[in-house]
Amino acid sequence: MSNRHIELGLTDEDVLKMYETMLMARRLDERMWLLNRAGKIPFVISCQGQEAAQVGASFALNNEKDWIAPYYRDMGVVLHFGMTPKDLMLSAFAKADDPNSGGRQMPGHFGQRKNRILTGSSPVTTQLPHAVGVALAAKMNKEDFITFVTLGEGSSNQGDFHEGMNFAGVHKLPTVIMVENNKYAISVPLDKQMACENVSDRAIGYGMPGYTVDGRDPLTVYEVVKKAADRARNGEGPTLVEAVCYRLTAHSSDDDQRQYRDAEELEDERKQDPLLSFIQYLKEVKVLTEEKYDEIEERVKLQVDEATEYAEQAEYAKPEHALRYVYEEKGGDA
């Protein structure tokens, strides 16, 4: 097998870091499901099955200057951009030190200014106009950064998607839009969401290129997002990337997926788990030895355990903190 990552300009250390970030997202997500079922955290919105698309794309960006507007499943993206396992667990437990919202919002509503993560909201796809607006600011101020925004294929049917795409295309803004097509908009399968075959078919209507890629392969996603990012930096405008993946869990911890997909379908998809496929690739090109595999697994497990214990012991916000950042507090702690 050829070393595809070397051909793409990635080092062995780069792809090991990609793998560790994917694994961290998976292990955190698995832990959150256990905590939810144990009654310790209220809600999980899962990234399982989509880590390859998230991590492959985020590694194609500059995580020291680009701004991102992630959607609620994007644990792999925010980990690469500087969120820590403790940050994510504090959010899951809704503790006072949750960096996203101080415990006010459900998990998955990412937002952290120091790491250039734009705050997300519950209505889907509102992050796309936000990312486009920040890209407009970059162009107007001649600043050296691009924006990257993600969403699910279901929310590509919302008005915000079309308005944001049109504005980005008209003004040739430095942004990359990635749709993580996991084939279900909660319970609605793809063929009942859109009349066109691919989400990327819509790109031409907004004057930008569109690509549909294998979202199970982080290297494929890295390659296409890197080209899109370079294009944006060169002033050539936005790109729509559709990363086709599969959601390996229910939509959320409040969803019963048995109502709309059968166990056989899910089992077939689990055989194509992107985490296992990437492990196989790394072992075949002799980058991931058994010793290195065990070392990474142990390091990730330790960090997940530490983050869980830390967040569980952390303090909840005081009731009066619910009023913070709503009204101006003259002479007080704003």
C-alpha atoms as a PDB file:
ATOM      1  CA  MET A   1       0.000   0.000   0.000  1.00  0.00           C
ATOM      2  CA  SER A   2       1.293   3.470  -0.903  1.00  0.00           C
ATOM      3  CA  ASN A   3       1.745   6.038   1.826  1.00  0.00           C
ATOM      4  CA  ARG A   4      -1.120   8.292   0.792  1.00  0.00           C
ATOM      5  CA  HIS A   5      -0.498  10.704   3.628  1.00  0.00           C
ATOM      6  CA  ILE A   6       3.065  11.325   2.463  1.00  0.00           C
ATOM      7  CA  GLU A   7       1.764  12.064  -1.045  1.00  0.00           C
ATOM      8  CA  LEU A   8      -0.587  14.626   0.515  1.00  0.00           C
ATOM      9  CA  GLY A   9       2.258  16.336   2.376  1.00  0.00           C
ATOM     10  CA  LEU A  10       1.407  14.872   5.786  1.00  0.00           C
ATOM     11  CA  THR A  11       4.046  13.373   8.047  1.00  0.00           C
ATOM     12  CA  ASP A  12       3.763  10.165  10.074  1.00  0.00           C
ATOM     13  CA  GLU A  13       3.382  12.361  13.163  1.00  0.00           C
ATOM     14  CA  ASP A  14       0.513  14.249  11.488  1.00  0.00           C
ATOM     15  CA  VAL A  15      -1.531  11.137  10.786  1.00  0.00           C
ATOM     16  CA  LEU A  16      -0.875   9.716  14.244  1.00  0.00           C
ATOM     17  CA  LYS A  17      -2.220  12.974  15.667  1.00  0.00           C
ATOM     18  CA  MET A  18      -5.236  12.703  13.371  1.00  0.00           C
ATOM     19  CA  TYR A  19      -5.856   9.195  14.658  1.00  0.00           C
ATOM     20  CA  GLU A  20      -5.484  10.238  18.290  1.00  0.00           C
ATOM     21  CA  THR A  21      -7.933  13.123  17.788  1.00  0.00           C
ATOM     22  CA  MET A  22     -10.454  10.774  16.163  1.00  0.00           C
ATOM     23  CA  LEU A  23      -9.994   8.292  18.989  1.00  0.00           C
ATOM     24  CA  MET A  24     -10.383  10.996  21.635  1.00  0.00           C
ATOM     25  CA  ALA A  25     -13.656  12.134  20.066  1.00  0.00           C
ATOM     26  CA  ARG A  26     -14.917   8.538  19.984  1.00  0.00           C
ATOM     27  CA  ARG A  27     -13.911   7.701  23.549  1.00  0.00           C
ATOM     28  CA  LEU A  28     -15.374  10.927  24.931  1.00  0.00           C
ATOM     29  CA  ASP A  29     -18.600  10.263  23.057  1.00  0.00           C
ATOM     30  CA  GLU A  30     -18.800   6.684  24.329  1.00  0.00           C
ATOM     31  CA  ARG A  31     -18.208   7.868  27.886  1.00  0.00           C
ATOM     32  CA  MET A  32     -20.945  10.474  27.545  1.00  0.00           C
ATOM     33  CA  TRP A  33     -23.452   7.804  26.511  1.00  0.00           C
ATOM     34  CA  LEU A  34     -22.551   5.750  29.599  1.00  0.00           C
ATOM     35  CA  LEU A  35     -22.923   8.806  31.828  1.00  0.00           C
ATOM     36  CA  ASN A  36     -26.271   9.626  30.252  1.00  0.00           C
ATOM     37  CA  ARG A  37     -27.626   6.125  30.742  1.00  0.00           C
ATOM     38  CA  ALA A  38     -26.409   6.248  34.335  1.00  0.00           C
ATOM     39  CA  GLY A  39     -28.450   9.410  34.860  1.00  0.00           C
ATOM     40  CA  LYS A  40     -25.412  11.627  35.411  1.00  0.00           C
ATOM     41  CA  ILE A  41     -25.634  13.870  32.350  1.00  0.00           C
ATOM     42  CA  PRO A  42     -28.841  14.942  30.624  1.00  0.00           C
ATOM     43  CA  PHE A  43     -28.122  14.735  26.901  1.00  0.00           C
ATOM     44  CA  VAL A  44     -25.767  13.392  24.228  1.00  0.00           C
ATOM     45  CA  ILE A  45     -25.601  14.440  20.584  1.00  0.00           C
ATOM     46  CA  SER A  46     -23.169  11.998  19.044  1.00  0.00           C
ATOM     47  CA  CYS A  47     -20.200  12.277  16.680  1.00  0.00           C
ATOM     48  CA  GLN A  48     -19.693   8.528  16.209  1.00  0.00           C
ATOM     49  CA  GLY A  49     -19.162   7.646  12.542  1.00  0.00           C
ATOM     50  CA  GLN A  50     -18.327  11.217  11.537  1.00  0.00           C
ATOM     51  CA  GLU A  51     -14.932  11.652  13.206  1.00  0.00           C
ATOM     52  CA  ALA A  52     -12.978  11.015  10.000  1.00  0.00           C
ATOM     53  CA  ALA A  53     -14.711  13.832   8.141  1.00  0.00           C
ATOM     54  CA  GLN A  54     -14.342  16.196  11.084  1.00  0.00           C
ATOM     55  CA  VAL A  55     -10.681  15.525  11.792  1.00  0.00           C
ATOM     56  CA  GLY A  56      -9.609  15.261   8.157  1.00  0.00           C
ATOM     57  CA  ALA A  57     -11.182  18.637   7.425  1.00  0.00           C
ATOM     58  CA  SER A  58      -9.899  20.421  10.526  1.00  0.00           C
ATOM     59  CA  PHE A  59      -6.321  19.292   9.872  1.00  0.00           C
ATOM     60  CA  ALA A  60      -6.556  21.008   6.470  1.00  0.00           C
ATOM     61  CA  LEU A  61      -7.137  24.347   8.202  1.00  0.00           C
ATOM     62  CA  ASN A  62      -4.886  26.643  10.196  1.00  0.00           C
ATOM     63  CA  ASN A  63      -5.967  26.164  13.796  1.00  0.00           C
ATOM     64  CA  GLU A  64      -3.956  29.175  14.905  1.00  0.00           C
ATOM     65  CA  LYS A  65      -5.727  31.789  12.782  1.00  0.00           C
ATOM     66  CA  ASP A  66      -8.833  30.429  10.995  1.00  0.00           C
ATOM     67  CA  TRP A  67     -12.315  30.796  12.518  1.00  0.00           C
ATOM     68  CA  ILE A  68     -14.737  27.885  12.664  1.00  0.00           C
ATOM     69  CA  ALA A  69     -18.506  27.630  13.051  1.00  0.00           C
ATOM     70  CA  PRO A  70     -19.053  23.969  13.958  1.00  0.00           C
ATOM     71  CA  TYR A  71     -22.358  22.177  14.197  1.00  0.00           C
ATOM     72  CA  TYR A  72     -23.406  20.148  17.200  1.00  0.00           C
ATOM     73  CA  ARG A  73     -21.700  16.840  16.316  1.00  0.00           C
ATOM     74  CA  ASP A  74     -18.277  18.360  15.656  1.00  0.00           C
ATOM     75  CA  MET A  75     -16.292  17.101  18.621  1.00  0.00           C
ATOM     76  CA  GLY A  76     -13.397  16.164  16.341  1.00  0.00           C
ATOM     77  CA  VAL A  77     -13.212  19.692  14.907  1.00  0.00           C
ATOM     78  CA  VAL A  78     -13.267  21.530  18.232  1.00  0.00           C
ATOM     79  CA  LEU A  79     -10.693  19.173  19.765  1.00  0.00           C
ATOM     80  CA  HIS A  80      -8.265  20.044  16.971  1.00  0.00           C
ATOM     81  CA  PHE A  81      -8.976  23.747  17.445  1.00  0.00           C
ATOM     82  CA  GLY A  82      -8.052  23.678  21.108  1.00  0.00           C
ATOM     83  CA  MET A  83     -10.989  22.492  23.195  1.00  0.00           C
ATOM     84  CA  THR A  84      -9.882  19.981  25.807  1.00  0.00           C
ATOM     85  CA  PRO A  85     -11.534  16.810  27.096  1.00  0.00           C
ATOM     86  CA  LYS A  86     -12.181  18.693  30.350  1.00  0.00           C
ATOM     87  CA  ASP A  87     -13.905  21.508  28.417  1.00  0.00           C
ATOM     88  CA  LEU A  88     -16.193  19.010  26.715  1.00  0.00           C
ATOM     89  CA  MET A  89     -16.997  17.121  29.899  1.00  0.00           C
ATOM     90  CA  LEU A  90     -17.761  20.347  31.765  1.00  0.00           C
ATOM     91  CA  SER A  91     -20.274  21.058  29.025  1.00  0.00           C
ATOM     92  CA  ALA A  92     -21.767  17.561  29.237  1.00  0.00           C
ATOM     93  CA  PHE A  93     -22.251  17.936  32.995  1.00  0.00           C
ATOM     94  CA  ALA A  94     -23.541  21.534  32.557  1.00  0.00           C
ATOM     95  CA  LYS A  95     -21.103  22.889  35.130  1.00  0.00           C
ATOM     96  CA  ALA A  96     -20.298  26.520  35.859  1.00  0.00           C
ATOM     97  CA  ASP A  97     -16.896  26.354  34.160  1.00  0.00           C
ATOM     98  CA  ASP A  98     -18.321  25.045  30.872  1.00  0.00           C
ATOM     99  CA  PRO A  99     -16.463  27.324  28.408  1.00  0.00           C
ATOM    100  CA  ASN A 100     -19.296  27.290  25.892  1.00  0.00           C
ATOM    101  CA  SER A 101     -22.103  28.710  27.983  1.00  0.00           C
ATOM    102  CA  GLY A 102     -21.360  28.409  31.692  1.00  0.00           C
ATOM    103  CA  GLY A 103     -23.724  25.444  31.858  1.00  0.00           C
ATOM    104  CA  ARG A 104     -26.650  27.223  30.211  1.00  0.00           C
ATOM    105  CA  GLN A 105     -26.740  25.333  26.931  1.00  0.00           C
ATOM    106  CA  MET A 106     -27.006  21.677  25.951  1.00  0.00           C
ATOM    107  CA  PRO A 107     -23.818  19.870  24.875  1.00  0.00           C
ATOM    108  CA  GLY A 108     -22.830  20.488  21.268  1.00  0.00           C
ATOM    109  CA  HIS A 109     -23.461  24.236  21.405  1.00  0.00           C
ATOM    110  CA  PHE A 110     -19.790  25.011  21.000  1.00  0.00           C
ATOM    111  CA  GLY A 111     -18.309  28.473  21.422  1.00  0.00           C
ATOM    112  CA  GLN A 112     -14.871  29.569  22.602  1.00  0.00           C
ATOM    113  CA  ARG A 113     -13.457  32.905  21.521  1.00  0.00           C
ATOM    114  CA  LYS A 114      -9.831  32.187  22.448  1.00  0.00           C
ATOM    115  CA  ASN A 115      -9.806  29.279  19.992  1.00  0.00           C
ATOM    116  CA  ARG A 116     -11.806  31.157  17.326  1.00  0.00           C
ATOM    117  CA  ILE A 117     -14.867  28.930  17.684  1.00  0.00           C
ATOM    118  CA  LEU A 118     -18.013  30.897  16.848  1.00  0.00           C
ATOM    119  CA  THR A 119     -20.898  30.329  19.245  1.00  0.00           C
ATOM    120  CA  GLY A 120     -23.578  28.022  17.855  1.00  0.00           C
ATOM    121  CA  SER A 121     -27.296  28.096  18.554  1.00  0.00           C
ATOM    122  CA  SER A 122     -30.095  25.537  18.602  1.00  0.00           C
ATOM    123  CA  PRO A 123     -31.841  26.427  15.306  1.00  0.00           C
ATOM    124  CA  VAL A 124     -29.946  24.432  12.689  1.00  0.00           C
ATOM    125  CA  THR A 125     -27.727  26.103  10.057  1.00  0.00           C
ATOM    126  CA  THR A 126     -27.785  29.564  11.611  1.00  0.00           C
ATOM    127  CA  GLN A 127     -24.022  29.089  11.914  1.00  0.00           C
ATOM    128  CA  LEU A 128     -23.609  29.298   8.126  1.00  0.00           C
ATOM    129  CA  PRO A 129     -24.628  32.984   7.788  1.00  0.00           C
ATOM    130  CA  HIS A 130     -22.449  33.681  10.844  1.00  0.00           C
ATOM    131  CA  ALA A 131     -19.402  32.084   9.212  1.00  0.00           C
ATOM    132  CA  VAL A 132     -20.123  33.937   5.978  1.00  0.00           C
ATOM    133  CA  GLY A 133     -20.377  37.225   7.869  1.00  0.00           C
ATOM    134  CA  VAL A 134     -17.023  36.661   9.552  1.00  0.00           C
ATOM    135  CA  ALA A 135     -15.537  35.790   6.143  1.00  0.00           C
ATOM    136  CA  LEU A 136     -16.902  39.094   4.819  1.00  0.00           C
ATOM    137  CA  ALA A 137     -15.133  40.893   7.684  1.00  0.00           C
ATOM    138  CA  ALA A 138     -11.883  39.120   6.755  1.00  0.00           C
ATOM    139  CA  LYS A 139     -12.227  40.270   3.159  1.00  0.00           C
ATOM    140  CA  MET A 140     -13.187  43.863   4.033  1.00  0.00           C
ATOM    141  CA  ASN A 141     -10.377  44.216   6.579  1.00  0.00           C
ATOM    142  CA  LYS A 142      -7.878  42.312   4.423  1.00  0.00           C
ATOM    143  CA  GLU A 143      -7.153  39.938   7.299  1.00  0.00           C
ATOM    144  CA  ASP A 144      -5.327  36.678   6.742  1.00  0.00           C
ATOM    145  CA  PHE A 145      -7.836  34.024   7.780  1.00  0.00           C
ATOM    146  CA  ILE A 146     -10.685  31.996   6.346  1.00  0.00           C
ATOM    147  CA  THR A 147     -13.801  30.560   7.946  1.00  0.00           C
ATOM    148  CA  PHE A 148     -14.959  26.961   8.012  1.00  0.00           C
ATOM    149  CA  VAL A 149     -18.542  25.947   8.724  1.00  0.00           C
ATOM    150  CA  THR A 150     -20.206  22.558   9.013  1.00  0.00           C
ATOM    151  CA  LEU A 151     -23.770  21.302   9.043  1.00  0.00           C
ATOM    152  CA  GLY A 152     -25.801  18.158   8.484  1.00  0.00           C
ATOM    153  CA  GLU A 153     -27.412  17.368   5.146  1.00  0.00           C
ATOM    154  CA  GLY A 154     -30.893  17.746   6.614  1.00  0.00           C
ATOM    155  CA  SER A 155     -30.278  21.351   7.542  1.00  0.00           C
ATOM    156  CA  SER A 156     -29.022  22.115   4.027  1.00  0.00           C
ATOM    157  CA  ASN A 157     -32.736  22.415   3.232  1.00  0.00           C
ATOM    158  CA  GLN A 158     -33.162  25.353   5.621  1.00  0.00           C
ATOM    159  CA  GLY A 159     -33.392  28.943   4.423  1.00  0.00           C
ATOM    160  CA  ASP A 160     -30.212  29.937   6.274  1.00  0.00           C
ATOM    161  CA  PHE A 161     -28.225  27.515   4.116  1.00  0.00           C
ATOM    162  CA  HIS A 162     -29.409  29.038   0.858  1.00  0.00           C
ATOM    163  CA  GLU A 163     -29.063  32.636   1.997  1.00  0.00           C
ATOM    164  CA  GLY A 164     -25.573  32.031   3.349  1.00  0.00           C
ATOM    165  CA  MET A 165     -24.466  30.137   0.249  1.00  0.00           C
ATOM    166  CA  ASN A 166     -25.801  32.818  -2.071  1.00  0.00           C
ATOM    167  CA  PHE A 167     -24.142  35.652  -0.141  1.00  0.00           C
ATOM    168  CA  ALA A 168     -20.812  33.792  -0.004  1.00  0.00           C
ATOM    169  CA  GLY A 169     -20.942  33.093  -3.726  1.00  0.00           C
ATOM    170  CA  VAL A 170     -21.934  36.608  -4.796  1.00  0.00           C
ATOM    171  CA  HIS A 171     -19.153  38.221  -2.746  1.00  0.00           C
ATOM    172  CA  LYS A 172     -16.549  35.476  -3.350  1.00  0.00           C
ATOM    173  CA  LEU A 173     -15.892  35.153   0.360  1.00  0.00           C
ATOM    174  CA  PRO A 174     -13.034  33.183   1.928  1.00  0.00           C
ATOM    175  CA  THR A 175     -15.043  30.358   3.427  1.00  0.00           C
ATOM    176  CA  VAL A 176     -15.373  26.585   3.172  1.00  0.00           C
ATOM    177  CA  ILE A 177     -18.791  25.018   3.765  1.00  0.00           C
ATOM    178  CA  MET A 178     -18.785  21.316   4.638  1.00  0.00           C
ATOM    179  CA  VAL A 179     -21.964  19.254   4.830  1.00  0.00           C
ATOM    180  CA  GLU A 180     -21.549  16.090   6.896  1.00  0.00           C
ATOM    181  CA  ASN A 181     -24.066  13.896   5.106  1.00  0.00           C
ATOM    182  CA  ASN A 182     -24.856  11.152   7.616  1.00  0.00           C
ATOM    183  CA  LYS A 183     -27.924  10.072   5.578  1.00  0.00           C
ATOM    184  CA  TYR A 184     -30.564  10.876   8.193  1.00  0.00           C
ATOM    185  CA  ALA A 185     -32.140  14.181   9.197  1.00  0.00           C
ATOM    186  CA  ILE A 186     -33.062  12.826  12.626  1.00  0.00           C
ATOM    187  CA  SER A 187     -35.393  10.100  11.284  1.00  0.00           C
ATOM    188  CA  VAL A 188     -35.839  11.253   7.666  1.00  0.00           C
ATOM    189  CA  PRO A 189     -33.713   9.330   5.117  1.00  0.00           C
ATOM    190  CA  LEU A 190     -31.847  11.149   2.387  1.00  0.00           C
ATOM    191  CA  ASP A 191     -34.239  10.270  -0.449  1.00  0.00           C
ATOM    192  CA  LYS A 192     -37.053  12.044   1.382  1.00  0.00           C
ATOM    193  CA  GLN A 193     -34.977  15.168   2.052  1.00  0.00           C
ATOM    194  CA  MET A 194     -33.808  16.255  -1.403  1.00  0.00           C
ATOM    195  CA  ALA A 195     -34.800  15.830  -5.027  1.00  0.00           C
ATOM    196  CA  CYS A 196     -31.184  16.050  -6.238  1.00  0.00           C
ATOM    197  CA  GLU A 197     -28.722  13.196  -5.842  1.00  0.00           C
ATOM    198  CA  ASN A 198     -26.043  15.060  -3.909  1.00  0.00           C
ATOM    199  CA  VAL A 199     -25.983  18.142  -1.706  1.00  0.00           C
ATOM    200  CA  SER A 200     -22.977  19.294  -3.735  1.00  0.00           C
ATOM    201  CA  ASP A 201     -25.200  19.503  -6.844  1.00  0.00           C
ATOM    202  CA  ARG A 202     -26.535  22.740  -5.369  1.00  0.00           C
ATOM    203  CA  ALA A 203     -23.157  24.499  -5.438  1.00  0.00           C
ATOM    204  CA  ILE A 204     -23.335  25.562  -9.070  1.00  0.00           C
ATOM    205  CA  GLY A 205     -26.461  27.589  -8.350  1.00  0.00           C
ATOM    206  CA  TYR A 206     -24.416  29.768  -6.018  1.00  0.00           C
ATOM    207  CA  GLY A 207     -21.422  30.182  -8.296  1.00  0.00           C
ATOM    208  CA  MET A 208     -19.023  27.958  -6.421  1.00  0.00           C
ATOM    209  CA  PRO A 209     -17.501  24.501  -6.947  1.00  0.00           C
ATOM    210  CA  GLY A 210     -19.028  21.552  -5.127  1.00  0.00           C
ATOM    211  CA  TYR A 211     -17.491  18.178  -4.292  1.00  0.00           C
ATOM    212  CA  THR A 212     -18.882  14.958  -2.857  1.00  0.00           C
ATOM    213  CA  VAL A 213     -16.232  12.879  -1.096  1.00  0.00           C
ATOM    214  CA  ASP A 214     -15.932   9.786   1.074  1.00  0.00           C
ATOM    215  CA  GLY A 215     -16.406  11.121   4.589  1.00  0.00           C
ATOM    216  CA  ARG A 216     -15.190   7.853   6.095  1.00  0.00           C
ATOM    217  CA  ASP A 217     -11.647   8.548   4.882  1.00  0.00           C
ATOM    218  CA  PRO A 218      -9.874  11.383   6.726  1.00  0.00           C
ATOM    219  CA  LEU A 219      -7.167  11.639   4.067  1.00  0.00           C
ATOM    220  CA  THR A 220      -9.679  12.102   1.252  1.00  0.00           C
ATOM    221  CA  VAL A 221     -11.490  14.775   3.248  1.00  0.00           C
ATOM    222  CA  TYR A 222      -8.175  16.435   4.121  1.00  0.00           C
ATOM    223  CA  GLU A 223      -7.210  16.601   0.446  1.00  0.00           C
ATOM    224  CA  VAL A 224     -10.400  18.246  -0.797  1.00  0.00           C
ATOM    225  CA  VAL A 225     -10.754  20.665   2.140  1.00  0.00           C
ATOM    226  CA  LYS A 226      -7.089  21.676   1.800  1.00  0.00           C
ATOM    227  CA  LYS A 227      -7.697  22.593  -1.848  1.00  0.00           C
ATOM    228  CA  ALA A 228     -10.847  24.480  -0.877  1.00  0.00           C
ATOM    229  CA  ALA A 229      -9.010  26.328   1.901  1.00  0.00           C
ATOM    230  CA  ASP A 230      -6.147  27.259  -0.435  1.00  0.00           C
ATOM    231  CA  ARG A 231      -8.684  28.495  -2.960  1.00  0.00           C
ATOM    232  CA  ALA A 232     -10.356  30.673  -0.319  1.00  0.00           C
ATOM    233  CA  ARG A 233      -7.015  32.095   0.832  1.00  0.00           C
ATOM    234  CA  ASN A 234      -6.127  32.974  -2.751  1.00  0.00           C
ATOM    235  CA  GLY A 235      -9.249  35.115  -3.107  1.00  0.00           C
ATOM    236  CA  GLU A 236     -11.060  32.661  -5.375  1.00  0.00           C
ATOM    237  CA  GLY A 237     -14.133  32.383  -3.185  1.00  0.00           C
ATOM    238  CA  PRO A 238     -16.078  29.683  -1.343  1.00  0.00           C
ATOM    239  CA  THR A 239     -16.363  25.929  -1.882  1.00  0.00           C
ATOM    240  CA  LEU A 240     -19.066  23.450  -0.884  1.00  0.00           C
ATOM    241  CA  VAL A 241     -17.785  20.062   0.291  1.00  0.00           C
ATOM    242  CA  GLU A 242     -20.143  17.166   0.970  1.00  0.00           C
ATOM    243  CA  ALA A 243     -18.550  14.481   3.146  1.00  0.00           C
ATOM    244  CA  VAL A 244     -20.664  11.327   2.955  1.00  0.00           C
ATOM    245  CA  CYS A 245     -20.553   9.412   6.221  1.00  0.00           C
ATOM    246  CA  TYR A 246     -22.952   7.542   8.468  1.00  0.00           C
ATOM    247  CA  ARG A 247     -24.283   8.197  11.942  1.00  0.00           C
ATOM    248  CA  LEU A 248     -23.480   5.131  14.064  1.00  0.00           C
ATOM    249  CA  THR A 249     -25.757   6.060  16.956  1.00  0.00           C
ATOM    250  CA  ALA A 250     -29.240   7.410  17.420  1.00  0.00           C
ATOM    251  CA  HIS A 251     -29.721  11.073  16.535  1.00  0.00           C
ATOM    252  CA  SER A 252     -29.390  11.894  20.224  1.00  0.00           C
ATOM    253  CA  SER A 253     -29.864  10.258  23.595  1.00  0.00           C
ATOM    254  CA  ASP A 254     -33.576  11.159  23.341  1.00  0.00           C
ATOM    255  CA  ASP A 255     -34.075   9.372  19.999  1.00  0.00           C
ATOM    256  CA  ASP A 256     -35.200   5.801  19.287  1.00  0.00           C
ATOM    257  CA  GLN A 257     -33.568   4.892  15.969  1.00  0.00           C
ATOM    258  CA  ARG A 258     -35.346   1.509  15.913  1.00  0.00           C
ATOM    259  CA  GLN A 259     -38.381   3.384  14.659  1.00  0.00           C
ATOM    260  CA  TYR A 260     -36.782   4.318  11.332  1.00  0.00           C
ATOM    261  CA  ARG A 261     -33.799   2.061  10.546  1.00  0.00           C
ATOM    262  CA  ASP A 262     -33.256  -1.628  11.018  1.00  0.00           C
ATOM    263  CA  ALA A 263     -30.497  -3.371  12.923  1.00  0.00           C
ATOM    264  CA  GLU A 264     -29.093  -5.024   9.781  1.00  0.00           C
ATOM    265  CA  GLU A 265     -28.464  -1.668   8.109  1.00  0.00           C
ATOM    266  CA  LEU A 266     -26.683  -0.366  11.184  1.00  0.00           C
ATOM    267  CA  GLU A 267     -24.583  -3.516  11.512  1.00  0.00           C
ATOM    268  CA  ASP A 268     -23.478  -3.250   7.876  1.00  0.00           C
ATOM    269  CA  GLU A 269     -22.422   0.343   8.452  1.00  0.00           C
ATOM    270  CA  ARG A 270     -20.517  -0.531  11.621  1.00  0.00           C
ATOM    271  CA  LYS A 271     -18.319  -2.810   9.524  1.00  0.00           C
ATOM    272  CA  GLN A 272     -17.202   0.361   7.698  1.00  0.00           C
ATOM    273  CA  ASP A 273     -16.431   2.278  10.889  1.00  0.00           C
ATOM    274  CA  PRO A 274     -13.979   5.030   9.824  1.00  0.00           C
ATOM    275  CA  LEU A 275     -11.952   4.694  13.008  1.00  0.00           C
ATOM    276  CA  LEU A 276     -11.275   1.013  12.334  1.00  0.00           C
ATOM    277  CA  SER A 277     -10.501   1.686   8.673  1.00  0.00           C
ATOM    278  CA  PHE A 278      -7.957   4.355   9.566  1.00  0.00           C
ATOM    279  CA  ILE A 279      -6.318   2.073  12.121  1.00  0.00           C
ATOM    280  CA  GLN A 280      -5.994  -0.551   9.393  1.00  0.00           C
ATOM    281  CA  TYR A 281      -4.386   1.942   7.008  1.00  0.00           C
ATOM    282  CA  LEU A 282      -1.913   3.186   9.619  1.00  0.00           C
ATOM    283  CA  LYS A 283      -0.904  -0.356  10.485  1.00  0.00           C
ATOM    284  CA  GLU A 284      -0.507  -1.381   6.845  1.00  0.00           C
ATOM    285  CA  VAL A 285       1.872   1.539   6.154  1.00  0.00           C
ATOM    286  CA  LYS A 286       3.720   0.670   9.393  1.00  0.00           C
ATOM    287  CA  VAL A 287       3.043   4.004  11.090  1.00  0.00           C
ATOM    288  CA  LEU A 288       0.923   2.572  13.896  1.00  0.00           C
ATOM    289  CA  THR A 289       2.802  -0.207  15.657  1.00  0.00           C
ATOM    290  CA  GLU A 290       1.175  -2.337  18.352  1.00  0.00           C
ATOM    291  CA  GLU A 291       3.266  -0.521  20.938  1.00  0.00           C
ATOM    292  CA  LYS A 292       2.168   2.903  19.629  1.00  0.00           C
ATOM    293  CA  TYR A 293      -1.446   1.725  19.410  1.00  0.00           C
ATOM    294  CA  ASP A 294      -1.435   0.673  23.080  1.00  0.00           C
ATOM    295  CA  GLU A 295       0.315   3.886  24.097  1.00  0.00           C
ATOM    296  CA  ILE A 296      -2.284   6.106  22.397  1.00  0.00           C
ATOM    297  CA  GLU A 297      -5.203   4.058  23.730  1.00  0.00           C
ATOM    298  CA  GLU A 298      -3.873   4.319  27.282  1.00  0.00           C
ATOM    299  CA  ARG A 299      -3.177   8.054  27.010  1.00  0.00           C
ATOM    300  CA  VAL A 300      -6.665   8.764  25.649  1.00  0.00           C
ATOM    301  CA  LYS A 301      -8.326   6.578  28.298  1.00  0.00           C
ATOM    302  CA  LEU A 302      -6.432   8.379  31.058  1.00  0.00           C
ATOM    303  CA  GLN A 303      -7.451  11.808  29.739  1.00  0.00           C
ATOM    304  CA  VAL A 304     -11.098  10.762  29.406  1.00  0.00           C
ATOM    305  CA  ASP A 305     -11.087   9.385  32.968  1.00  0.00           C
ATOM    306  CA  GLU A 306      -9.456  12.543  34.332  1.00  0.00           C
ATOM    307  CA  ALA A 307     -11.873  14.799  32.441  1.00  0.00           C
ATOM    308  CA  THR A 308     -14.864  12.823  33.678  1.00  0.00           C
ATOM    309  CA  GLU A 309     -13.776  12.935  37.310  1.00  0.00           C
ATOM    310  CA  TYR A 310     -12.860  16.619  37.109  1.00  0.00           C
ATOM    311  CA  ALA A 311     -16.158  17.646  35.543  1.00  0.00           C
ATOM    312  CA  GLU A 312     -18.259  15.486  37.854  1.00  0.00           C
ATOM    313  CA  GLN A 313     -16.646  17.120  40.908  1.00  0.00           C
ATOM    314  CA  ALA A 314     -16.828  20.668  39.503  1.00  0.00           C
ATOM    315  CA  GLU A 315     -19.390  23.147  40.822  1.00  0.00           C
ATOM    316  CA  TYR A 316     -22.691  23.918  39.150  1.00  0.00           C
ATOM    317  CA  ALA A 317     -23.516  27.513  38.328  1.00  0.00           C
ATOM    318  CA  LYS A 318     -25.395  29.476  40.947  1.00  0.00           C
ATOM    319  CA  PRO A 319     -29.110  30.002  40.166  1.00  0.00           C
ATOM    320  CA  GLU A 320     -28.632  33.744  39.803  1.00  0.00           C
ATOM    321  CA  HIS A 321     -26.059  33.161  37.063  1.00  0.00           C
ATOM    322  CA  ALA A 322     -28.974  32.419  34.748  1.00  0.00           C
ATOM    323  CA  LEU A 323     -29.409  36.185  34.445  1.00  0.00           C
ATOM    324  CA  ARG A 324     -25.807  36.842  33.450  1.00  0.00           C
ATOM    325  CA  TYR A 325     -25.115  38.320  30.015  1.00  0.00           C
ATOM    326  CA  VAL A 326     -28.809  39.039  29.484  1.00  0.00           C
ATOM    327  CA  TYR A 327     -29.039  42.526  30.973  1.00  0.00           C
ATOM    328  CA  GLU A 328     -26.267  45.010  31.653  1.00  0.00           C
ATOM    329  CA  GLU A 329     -25.143  44.866  35.252  1.00  0.00           C
ATOM    330  CA  LYS A 330     -24.141  48.398  36.194  1.00  0.00           C
ATOM    331  CA  GLY A 331     -21.408  48.414  38.755  1.00  0.00           C
ATOM    332  CA  GLY A 332     -21.631  44.657  39.091  1.00  0.00           C
ATOM    333  CA  ASP A 333     -19.967  41.550  37.823  1.00  0.00           C
ATOM    334  CA  ALA A 334     -20.916  41.514  34.122  1.00  0.00           C
END
